């Protein structure tokens, strides 16, 4: 149902059972999946591709042009996965020619007043708490939780199953399965509570702990620790994922607490 006081371009592709509340504006180059609820005073601009059963709360702006001085009017998108909830006054900017889109995965929760900049790729089941700022070209893995008022530097990479403490300034890449906290940001152990909630066994959690003990607590630099892990520890999906993340980290990974050691 589209409320009579909503301004919806007749070219917009809106599937059945979509509710659009009053004073919302929807542009022409927009697609909205079945069962989605669009609250009042939402602005959805050209390039938005919104999945099924999403909820978008008042004051949100989806698919505005990026705040990037290099943007030259190219045809780009914002893609939002099924079941994602976007709370009040969130802004999600569309991509640039660098990637072509900004993407949020399925079943995410983006809490009030957060900003997601151009060309970000955010995985499934991600929670971004109130007031976070995510700069352009950031990648965030599945099941990551980002504490309130945190900020991520452009081109940053955050692995799967990461827990970021509130107010953290993320200047370095964060490998999978860990917690980070403090200022400056540093390693704070593995995200064992989150992993147990998602079905990881104790043996698997101990394996991940052993890997990060080598990286952060055995007085080796990251390159030496990576070589040690590859040589001394049996190959598993988690081990290989961690090593691959470290190899492909252009900014270097977070440092260990109190060690002064960086990658």
C-alpha atoms as a PDB file:
ATOM      1  CA  UNK A   1       0.000   0.000   0.000  1.00  0.00           C
ATOM      2  CA  UNK A   2       1.369   3.385  -1.020  1.00  0.00           C
ATOM      3  CA  UNK A   3      -0.066   6.220   1.069  1.00  0.00           C
ATOM      4  CA  UNK A   4      -1.669   9.006  -0.940  1.00  0.00           C
ATOM      5  CA  UNK A   5       0.630  11.556   0.713  1.00  0.00           C
ATOM      6  CA  UNK A   6       3.791   9.746  -0.431  1.00  0.00           C
ATOM      7  CA  UNK A   7       5.557  11.043  -3.553  1.00  0.00           C
ATOM      8  CA  UNK A   8       6.354   7.962  -5.622  1.00  0.00           C
ATOM      9  CA  UNK A   9       7.606   8.219  -9.195  1.00  0.00           C
ATOM     10  CA  UNK A  10       5.425   6.095 -11.465  1.00  0.00           C
ATOM     11  CA  UNK A  11       8.571   4.489 -12.957  1.00  0.00           C
ATOM     12  CA  UNK A  12       9.619   2.986  -9.617  1.00  0.00           C
ATOM     13  CA  UNK A  13       9.282  -0.819  -9.477  1.00  0.00           C
ATOM     14  CA  UNK A  14       7.493  -1.669  -6.252  1.00  0.00           C
ATOM     15  CA  UNK A  15       6.490  -5.289  -5.606  1.00  0.00           C
ATOM     16  CA  UNK A  16       3.323  -6.426  -3.859  1.00  0.00           C
ATOM     17  CA  UNK A  17       2.699  -6.027  -0.124  1.00  0.00           C
ATOM     18  CA  UNK A  18       5.070  -3.055   0.118  1.00  0.00           C
ATOM     19  CA  UNK A  19       3.940  -0.332   2.520  1.00  0.00           C
ATOM     20  CA  UNK A  20       5.019   3.251   1.852  1.00  0.00           C
ATOM     21  CA  UNK A  21       4.057   5.669   4.614  1.00  0.00           C
ATOM     22  CA  UNK A  22       3.163   9.373   4.126  1.00  0.00           C
ATOM     23  CA  UNK A  23       5.665  12.090   3.179  1.00  0.00           C
ATOM     24  CA  UNK A  24       8.148   9.584   1.758  1.00  0.00           C
ATOM     25  CA  UNK A  25       9.784  10.333  -1.595  1.00  0.00           C
ATOM     26  CA  UNK A  26      10.767   7.560  -4.010  1.00  0.00           C
ATOM     27  CA  UNK A  27      12.567   8.343  -7.285  1.00  0.00           C
ATOM     28  CA  UNK A  28      12.070   6.623 -10.650  1.00  0.00           C
ATOM     29  CA  UNK A  29      15.114   4.340 -10.825  1.00  0.00           C
ATOM     30  CA  UNK A  30      14.209   2.411  -7.686  1.00  0.00           C
ATOM     31  CA  UNK A  31      13.275  -1.228  -7.065  1.00  0.00           C
ATOM     32  CA  UNK A  32      11.687  -2.386  -3.794  1.00  0.00           C
ATOM     33  CA  UNK A  33      11.114  -6.051  -2.968  1.00  0.00           C
ATOM     34  CA  UNK A  34       7.988  -7.738  -1.674  1.00  0.00           C
ATOM     35  CA  UNK A  35       6.882  -7.165   1.919  1.00  0.00           C
ATOM     36  CA  UNK A  36       9.160  -4.192   2.643  1.00  0.00           C
ATOM     37  CA  UNK A  37       7.997  -1.367   4.920  1.00  0.00           C
ATOM     38  CA  UNK A  38       9.097   2.201   4.147  1.00  0.00           C
ATOM     39  CA  UNK A  39       8.346   4.545   7.043  1.00  0.00           C
ATOM     40  CA  UNK A  40       7.301   8.185   6.826  1.00  0.00           C
ATOM     41  CA  UNK A  41       9.711  10.926   5.740  1.00  0.00           C
ATOM     42  CA  UNK A  42      12.125   8.526   4.020  1.00  0.00           C
ATOM     43  CA  UNK A  43      13.953   9.598   0.858  1.00  0.00           C
ATOM     44  CA  UNK A  44      14.898   6.890  -1.649  1.00  0.00           C
ATOM     45  CA  UNK A  45      16.809   8.249  -4.620  1.00  0.00           C
ATOM     46  CA  UNK A  46      17.757   6.895  -8.046  1.00  0.00           C
ATOM     47  CA  UNK A  47      19.841   3.710  -8.000  1.00  0.00           C
ATOM     48  CA  UNK A  48      18.310   2.063  -4.919  1.00  0.00           C
ATOM     49  CA  UNK A  49      17.735  -1.697  -5.081  1.00  0.00           C
ATOM     50  CA  UNK A  50      15.993  -2.763  -1.880  1.00  0.00           C
ATOM     51  CA  UNK A  51      15.292  -6.423  -1.122  1.00  0.00           C
ATOM     52  CA  UNK A  52      12.338  -8.246   0.400  1.00  0.00           C
ATOM     53  CA  UNK A  53      10.986  -7.771   3.933  1.00  0.00           C
ATOM     54  CA  UNK A  54      13.206  -4.811   4.751  1.00  0.00           C
ATOM     55  CA  UNK A  55      12.233  -2.070   7.214  1.00  0.00           C
ATOM     56  CA  UNK A  56      13.374   1.508   6.653  1.00  0.00           C
ATOM     57  CA  UNK A  57      12.602   4.016   9.397  1.00  0.00           C
ATOM     58  CA  UNK A  58      11.857   7.765   9.244  1.00  0.00           C
ATOM     59  CA  UNK A  59      14.504  10.272   8.207  1.00  0.00           C
ATOM     60  CA  UNK A  60      16.619   7.756   6.290  1.00  0.00           C
ATOM     61  CA  UNK A  61      18.159   8.733   2.948  1.00  0.00           C
ATOM     62  CA  UNK A  62      19.039   5.857   0.600  1.00  0.00           C
ATOM     63  CA  UNK A  63      21.125   6.202  -2.573  1.00  0.00           C
ATOM     64  CA  UNK A  64      22.031   9.884  -2.469  1.00  0.00           C
ATOM     65  CA  UNK A  65      25.050  10.740  -4.597  1.00  0.00           C
ATOM     66  CA  UNK A  66      28.353  10.070  -2.815  1.00  0.00           C
ATOM     67  CA  UNK A  67      30.220  12.714  -0.863  1.00  0.00           C
ATOM     68  CA  UNK A  68      33.238  12.130  -3.078  1.00  0.00           C
ATOM     69  CA  UNK A  69      34.720  15.013  -5.062  1.00  0.00           C
ATOM     70  CA  UNK A  70      35.725  12.572  -7.826  1.00  0.00           C
ATOM     71  CA  UNK A  71      32.110  11.575  -8.445  1.00  0.00           C
ATOM     72  CA  UNK A  72      31.119  12.632 -11.963  1.00  0.00           C
ATOM     73  CA  UNK A  73      27.447  11.708 -12.151  1.00  0.00           C
ATOM     74  CA  UNK A  74      27.997   8.078 -13.157  1.00  0.00           C
ATOM     75  CA  UNK A  75      25.105   5.613 -13.005  1.00  0.00           C
ATOM     76  CA  UNK A  76      25.619   3.636  -9.776  1.00  0.00           C
ATOM     77  CA  UNK A  77      23.536   1.817  -7.163  1.00  0.00           C
ATOM     78  CA  UNK A  78      22.826   1.011  -3.538  1.00  0.00           C
ATOM     79  CA  UNK A  79      21.927  -2.666  -3.058  1.00  0.00           C
ATOM     80  CA  UNK A  80      20.213  -3.690   0.193  1.00  0.00           C
ATOM     81  CA  UNK A  81      19.691  -7.375   0.981  1.00  0.00           C
ATOM     82  CA  UNK A  82      16.511  -9.098   2.156  1.00  0.00           C
ATOM     83  CA  UNK A  83      15.412  -8.689   5.761  1.00  0.00           C
ATOM     84  CA  UNK A  84      17.648  -5.718   6.550  1.00  0.00           C
ATOM     85  CA  UNK A  85      16.468  -3.059   9.014  1.00  0.00           C
ATOM     86  CA  UNK A  86      17.644   0.526   8.680  1.00  0.00           C
ATOM     87  CA  UNK A  87      16.739   2.743  11.614  1.00  0.00           C
ATOM     88  CA  UNK A  88      16.113   6.479  11.867  1.00  0.00           C
ATOM     89  CA  UNK A  89      18.213   9.063   9.982  1.00  0.00           C
ATOM     90  CA  UNK A  90      20.698   6.614   8.452  1.00  0.00           C
ATOM     91  CA  UNK A  91      22.399   7.676   5.201  1.00  0.00           C
ATOM     92  CA  UNK A  92      23.593   5.143   2.616  1.00  0.00           C
ATOM     93  CA  UNK A  93      25.329   6.711  -0.389  1.00  0.00           C
ATOM     94  CA  UNK A  94      25.505   5.053  -3.778  1.00  0.00           C
ATOM     95  CA  UNK A  95      28.752   3.916  -5.363  1.00  0.00           C
ATOM     96  CA  UNK A  96      31.205   5.576  -7.726  1.00  0.00           C
ATOM     97  CA  UNK A  97      32.840   4.281 -10.893  1.00  0.00           C
ATOM     98  CA  UNK A  98      35.466   2.624  -8.650  1.00  0.00           C
ATOM     99  CA  UNK A  99      33.056  -0.219  -7.769  1.00  0.00           C
ATOM    100  CA  UNK A 100      29.690   0.861  -9.123  1.00  0.00           C
ATOM    101  CA  UNK A 101      27.619   0.128  -6.044  1.00  0.00           C
ATOM    102  CA  UNK A 102      27.347   0.241  -2.267  1.00  0.00           C
ATOM    103  CA  UNK A 103      26.072  -3.060  -0.887  1.00  0.00           C
ATOM    104  CA  UNK A 104      24.463  -4.173   2.373  1.00  0.00           C
ATOM    105  CA  UNK A 105      23.900  -7.881   2.889  1.00  0.00           C
ATOM    106  CA  UNK A 106      20.903  -9.795   4.207  1.00  0.00           C
ATOM    107  CA  UNK A 107      19.458  -9.498   7.727  1.00  0.00           C
ATOM    108  CA  UNK A 108      21.597  -6.537   8.771  1.00  0.00           C
ATOM    109  CA  UNK A 109      20.652  -3.983  11.425  1.00  0.00           C
ATOM    110  CA  UNK A 110      21.887  -0.438  10.820  1.00  0.00           C
ATOM    111  CA  UNK A 111      20.984   1.655  13.863  1.00  0.00           C
ATOM    112  CA  UNK A 112      20.026   5.318  13.991  1.00  0.00           C
ATOM    113  CA  UNK A 113      22.167   8.142  12.538  1.00  0.00           C
ATOM    114  CA  UNK A 114      24.873   5.874  11.102  1.00  0.00           C
ATOM    115  CA  UNK A 115      26.475   6.726   7.756  1.00  0.00           C
ATOM    116  CA  UNK A 116      27.611   4.249   5.093  1.00  0.00           C
ATOM    117  CA  UNK A 117      29.662   5.885   2.366  1.00  0.00           C
ATOM    118  CA  UNK A 118      30.168   5.054  -1.313  1.00  0.00           C
ATOM    119  CA  UNK A 119      31.484   1.695  -2.532  1.00  0.00           C
ATOM    120  CA  UNK A 120      31.237  -0.050   0.848  1.00  0.00           C
ATOM    121  CA  UNK A 121      30.508  -3.789   0.884  1.00  0.00           C
ATOM    122  CA  UNK A 122      28.876  -4.996   4.088  1.00  0.00           C
ATOM    123  CA  UNK A 123      28.188  -8.695   4.653  1.00  0.00           C
ATOM    124  CA  UNK A 124      25.184 -10.572   6.042  1.00  0.00           C
ATOM    125  CA  UNK A 125      23.918 -10.360   9.646  1.00  0.00           C
ATOM    126  CA  UNK A 126      26.031  -7.289  10.399  1.00  0.00           C
ATOM    127  CA  UNK A 127      24.994  -4.962  13.251  1.00  0.00           C
ATOM    128  CA  UNK A 128      26.116  -1.341  13.099  1.00  0.00           C
ATOM    129  CA  UNK A 129      25.152   0.469  16.296  1.00  0.00           C
ATOM    130  CA  UNK A 130      24.025   4.104  16.611  1.00  0.00           C
ATOM    131  CA  UNK A 131      26.114   6.924  15.223  1.00  0.00           C
ATOM    132  CA  UNK A 132      28.804   4.964  13.384  1.00  0.00           C
ATOM    133  CA  UNK A 133      30.647   6.500  10.436  1.00  0.00           C
ATOM    134  CA  UNK A 134      31.907   4.188   7.702  1.00  0.00           C
ATOM    135  CA  UNK A 135      34.073   5.860   5.062  1.00  0.00           C
ATOM    136  CA  UNK A 136      34.268   4.921   1.400  1.00  0.00           C
ATOM    137  CA  UNK A 137      35.459   1.552   0.031  1.00  0.00           C
ATOM    138  CA  UNK A 138      35.220  -0.231   3.409  1.00  0.00           C
ATOM    139  CA  UNK A 139      34.597  -4.005   3.536  1.00  0.00           C
ATOM    140  CA  UNK A 140      32.892  -5.585   6.570  1.00  0.00           C
ATOM    141  CA  UNK A 141      32.495  -9.360   6.918  1.00  0.00           C
ATOM    142  CA  UNK A 142      29.446 -11.378   7.968  1.00  0.00           C
ATOM    143  CA  UNK A 143      28.253 -11.362  11.602  1.00  0.00           C
ATOM    144  CA  UNK A 144      30.369  -8.375  12.611  1.00  0.00           C
ATOM    145  CA  UNK A 145      29.085  -6.117  15.401  1.00  0.00           C
ATOM    146  CA  UNK A 146      30.290  -2.518  15.360  1.00  0.00           C
ATOM    147  CA  UNK A 147      29.816  -0.621  18.637  1.00  0.00           C
ATOM    148  CA  UNK A 148      28.171   2.790  18.748  1.00  0.00           C
ATOM    149  CA  UNK A 149      30.005   5.963  17.672  1.00  0.00           C
ATOM    150  CA  UNK A 150      32.797   3.972  16.011  1.00  0.00           C
ATOM    151  CA  UNK A 151      34.407   5.150  12.789  1.00  0.00           C
ATOM    152  CA  UNK A 152      36.205   3.252  10.019  1.00  0.00           C
ATOM    153  CA  UNK A 153      38.924   4.786   7.829  1.00  0.00           C
ATOM    154  CA  UNK A 154      38.431   4.615   4.063  1.00  0.00           C
ATOM    155  CA  UNK A 155      39.549   1.390   2.344  1.00  0.00           C
ATOM    156  CA  UNK A 156      39.484  -0.417   5.705  1.00  0.00           C
ATOM    157  CA  UNK A 157      38.820  -4.160   5.862  1.00  0.00           C
ATOM    158  CA  UNK A 158      37.051  -5.922   8.720  1.00  0.00           C
ATOM    159  CA  UNK A 159      36.791  -9.723   8.793  1.00  0.00           C
ATOM    160  CA  UNK A 160      33.902 -12.013   9.739  1.00  0.00           C
ATOM    161  CA  UNK A 161      32.639 -12.464  13.314  1.00  0.00           C
ATOM    162  CA  UNK A 162      34.441  -9.355  14.624  1.00  0.00           C
ATOM    163  CA  UNK A 163      33.317  -7.420  17.714  1.00  0.00           C
ATOM    164  CA  UNK A 164      34.289  -3.728  17.769  1.00  0.00           C
ATOM    165  CA  UNK A 165      33.988  -1.858  21.054  1.00  0.00           C
ATOM    166  CA  UNK A 166      31.948   1.351  21.113  1.00  0.00           C
ATOM    167  CA  UNK A 167      33.782   4.549  20.207  1.00  0.00           C
ATOM    168  CA  UNK A 168      36.608   2.735  18.410  1.00  0.00           C
ATOM    169  CA  UNK A 169      38.568   4.538  15.693  1.00  0.00           C
ATOM    170  CA  UNK A 170      39.364   1.841  13.135  1.00  0.00           C
ATOM    171  CA  UNK A 171      42.547   2.909  11.352  1.00  0.00           C
ATOM    172  CA  UNK A 172      43.905  -0.590  10.687  1.00  0.00           C
ATOM    173  CA  UNK A 173      42.377  -3.745   9.242  1.00  0.00           C
ATOM    174  CA  UNK A 174      40.755  -6.186  11.682  1.00  0.00           C
ATOM    175  CA  UNK A 175      41.179  -9.917  10.944  1.00  0.00           C
ATOM    176  CA  UNK A 176      38.314 -12.424  11.434  1.00  0.00           C
ATOM    177  CA  UNK A 177      37.022 -13.723  14.793  1.00  0.00           C
ATOM    178  CA  UNK A 178      38.571 -11.086  17.074  1.00  0.00           C
ATOM    179  CA  UNK A 179      37.508  -8.325  19.449  1.00  0.00           C
ATOM    180  CA  UNK A 180      39.105  -4.880  19.334  1.00  0.00           C
ATOM    181  CA  UNK A 181      38.903  -2.038  21.831  1.00  0.00           C
ATOM    182  CA  UNK A 182      40.793   0.860  23.468  1.00  0.00           C
ATOM    183  CA  UNK A 183      42.383   3.958  21.981  1.00  0.00           C
ATOM    184  CA  UNK A 184      44.452   3.519  19.971  1.00  0.00           C
ATOM    185  CA  UNK A 185      42.603   0.442  18.797  1.00  0.00           C
ATOM    186  CA  UNK A 186      44.211  -2.863  19.746  1.00  0.00           C
ATOM    187  CA  UNK A 187      43.485  -6.590  19.879  1.00  0.00           C
ATOM    188  CA  UNK A 188      41.300  -7.593  22.853  1.00  0.00           C
ATOM    189  CA  UNK A 189      41.010 -11.365  22.440  1.00  0.00           C
ATOM    190  CA  UNK A 190      38.847 -13.490  20.185  1.00  0.00           C
ATOM    191  CA  UNK A 191      35.092 -13.097  19.958  1.00  0.00           C
ATOM    192  CA  UNK A 192      34.404 -16.363  21.791  1.00  0.00           C
ATOM    193  CA  UNK A 193      30.888 -15.411  22.951  1.00  0.00           C
ATOM    194  CA  UNK A 194      29.798 -14.504  19.432  1.00  0.00           C
ATOM    195  CA  UNK A 195      31.374 -17.639  17.989  1.00  0.00           C
ATOM    196  CA  UNK A 196      29.592 -19.898  20.506  1.00  0.00           C
ATOM    197  CA  UNK A 197      26.280 -18.215  19.695  1.00  0.00           C
ATOM    198  CA  UNK A 198      26.854 -19.057  16.034  1.00  0.00           C
ATOM    199  CA  UNK A 199      27.601 -22.710  16.631  1.00  0.00           C
ATOM    200  CA  UNK A 200      31.417 -22.842  16.773  1.00  0.00           C
ATOM    201  CA  UNK A 201      32.630 -25.742  18.928  1.00  0.00           C
ATOM    202  CA  UNK A 202      35.039 -25.297  21.829  1.00  0.00           C
ATOM    203  CA  UNK A 203      37.731 -27.110  19.856  1.00  0.00           C
ATOM    204  CA  UNK A 204      37.353 -24.693  16.959  1.00  0.00           C
ATOM    205  CA  UNK A 205      37.448 -21.695  19.299  1.00  0.00           C
ATOM    206  CA  UNK A 206      40.624 -23.029  20.959  1.00  0.00           C
ATOM    207  CA  UNK A 207      42.180 -23.448  17.515  1.00  0.00           C
ATOM    208  CA  UNK A 208      41.427 -19.815  16.650  1.00  0.00           C
ATOM    209  CA  UNK A 209      42.800 -18.696  20.032  1.00  0.00           C
ATOM    210  CA  UNK A 210      46.025 -20.598  19.352  1.00  0.00           C
ATOM    211  CA  UNK A 211      46.437 -18.863  15.988  1.00  0.00           C
ATOM    212  CA  UNK A 212      46.005 -15.396  17.482  1.00  0.00           C
ATOM    213  CA  UNK A 213      48.271 -16.227  20.415  1.00  0.00           C
ATOM    214  CA  UNK A 214      51.029 -16.761  17.843  1.00  0.00           C
ATOM    215  CA  UNK A 215      50.230 -13.487  16.099  1.00  0.00           C
ATOM    216  CA  UNK A 216      49.880 -11.232  19.132  1.00  0.00           C
ATOM    217  CA  UNK A 217      51.603 -12.867  22.121  1.00  0.00           C
ATOM    218  CA  UNK A 218      54.672 -14.804  20.961  1.00  0.00           C
ATOM    219  CA  UNK A 219      57.004 -11.834  20.387  1.00  0.00           C
ATOM    220  CA  UNK A 220      57.063 -12.290  16.621  1.00  0.00           C
ATOM    221  CA  UNK A 221      56.132  -9.723  14.017  1.00  0.00           C
ATOM    222  CA  UNK A 222      53.123 -10.468  11.841  1.00  0.00           C
ATOM    223  CA  UNK A 223      55.166 -11.861   8.951  1.00  0.00           C
ATOM    224  CA  UNK A 224      57.079 -14.218  11.263  1.00  0.00           C
ATOM    225  CA  UNK A 225      53.875 -15.274  13.017  1.00  0.00           C
ATOM    226  CA  UNK A 226      52.173 -16.002   9.682  1.00  0.00           C
ATOM    227  CA  UNK A 227      55.090 -18.205   8.594  1.00  0.00           C
ATOM    228  CA  UNK A 228      55.040 -19.996  11.967  1.00  0.00           C
ATOM    229  CA  UNK A 229      51.293 -20.662  11.749  1.00  0.00           C
ATOM    230  CA  UNK A 230      51.561 -21.960   8.202  1.00  0.00           C
ATOM    231  CA  UNK A 231      54.391 -24.311   9.150  1.00  0.00           C
ATOM    232  CA  UNK A 232      53.321 -25.503  12.609  1.00  0.00           C
ATOM    233  CA  UNK A 233      49.505 -25.589  12.538  1.00  0.00           C
ATOM    234  CA  UNK A 234      47.305 -27.944  10.572  1.00  0.00           C
ATOM    235  CA  UNK A 235      45.478 -26.349   7.643  1.00  0.00           C
ATOM    236  CA  UNK A 236      41.807 -25.619   8.345  1.00  0.00           C
ATOM    237  CA  UNK A 237      39.292 -23.248   6.776  1.00  0.00           C
ATOM    238  CA  UNK A 238      39.646 -20.814   9.687  1.00  0.00           C
ATOM    239  CA  UNK A 239      43.460 -20.897   9.687  1.00  0.00           C
ATOM    240  CA  UNK A 240      43.597 -20.294   5.950  1.00  0.00           C
ATOM    241  CA  UNK A 241      41.013 -17.508   6.140  1.00  0.00           C
ATOM    242  CA  UNK A 242      43.044 -15.666   8.788  1.00  0.00           C
ATOM    243  CA  UNK A 243      46.310 -16.019   6.860  1.00  0.00           C
ATOM    244  CA  UNK A 244      44.667 -14.942   3.609  1.00  0.00           C
ATOM    245  CA  UNK A 245      43.192 -11.870   5.295  1.00  0.00           C
ATOM    246  CA  UNK A 246      46.602 -10.859   6.677  1.00  0.00           C
ATOM    247  CA  UNK A 247      48.293 -11.323   3.279  1.00  0.00           C
ATOM    248  CA  UNK A 248      45.663  -9.177   1.561  1.00  0.00           C
ATOM    249  CA  UNK A 249      45.615  -6.373   4.133  1.00  0.00           C
ATOM    250  CA  UNK A 250      46.878  -3.202   2.433  1.00  0.00           C
ATOM    251  CA  UNK A 251      46.770  -1.137   5.642  1.00  0.00           C
ATOM    252  CA  UNK A 252      48.207  -3.778   7.980  1.00  0.00           C
ATOM    253  CA  UNK A 253      46.282  -5.405  10.814  1.00  0.00           C
ATOM    254  CA  UNK A 254      45.474  -4.120  14.286  1.00  0.00           C
ATOM    255  CA  UNK A 255      48.296  -4.226  16.832  1.00  0.00           C
ATOM    256  CA  UNK A 256      48.475  -6.332  19.978  1.00  0.00           C
ATOM    257  CA  UNK A 257      47.619  -4.642  23.276  1.00  0.00           C
ATOM    258  CA  UNK A 258      50.594  -3.209  25.128  1.00  0.00           C
ATOM    259  CA  UNK A 259      53.149  -4.627  22.691  1.00  0.00           C
ATOM    260  CA  UNK A 260      53.636  -1.599  20.492  1.00  0.00           C
ATOM    261  CA  UNK A 261      53.822  -4.171  17.704  1.00  0.00           C
ATOM    262  CA  UNK A 262      52.261  -3.346  14.379  1.00  0.00           C
ATOM    263  CA  UNK A 263      52.146  -5.211  11.106  1.00  0.00           C
END
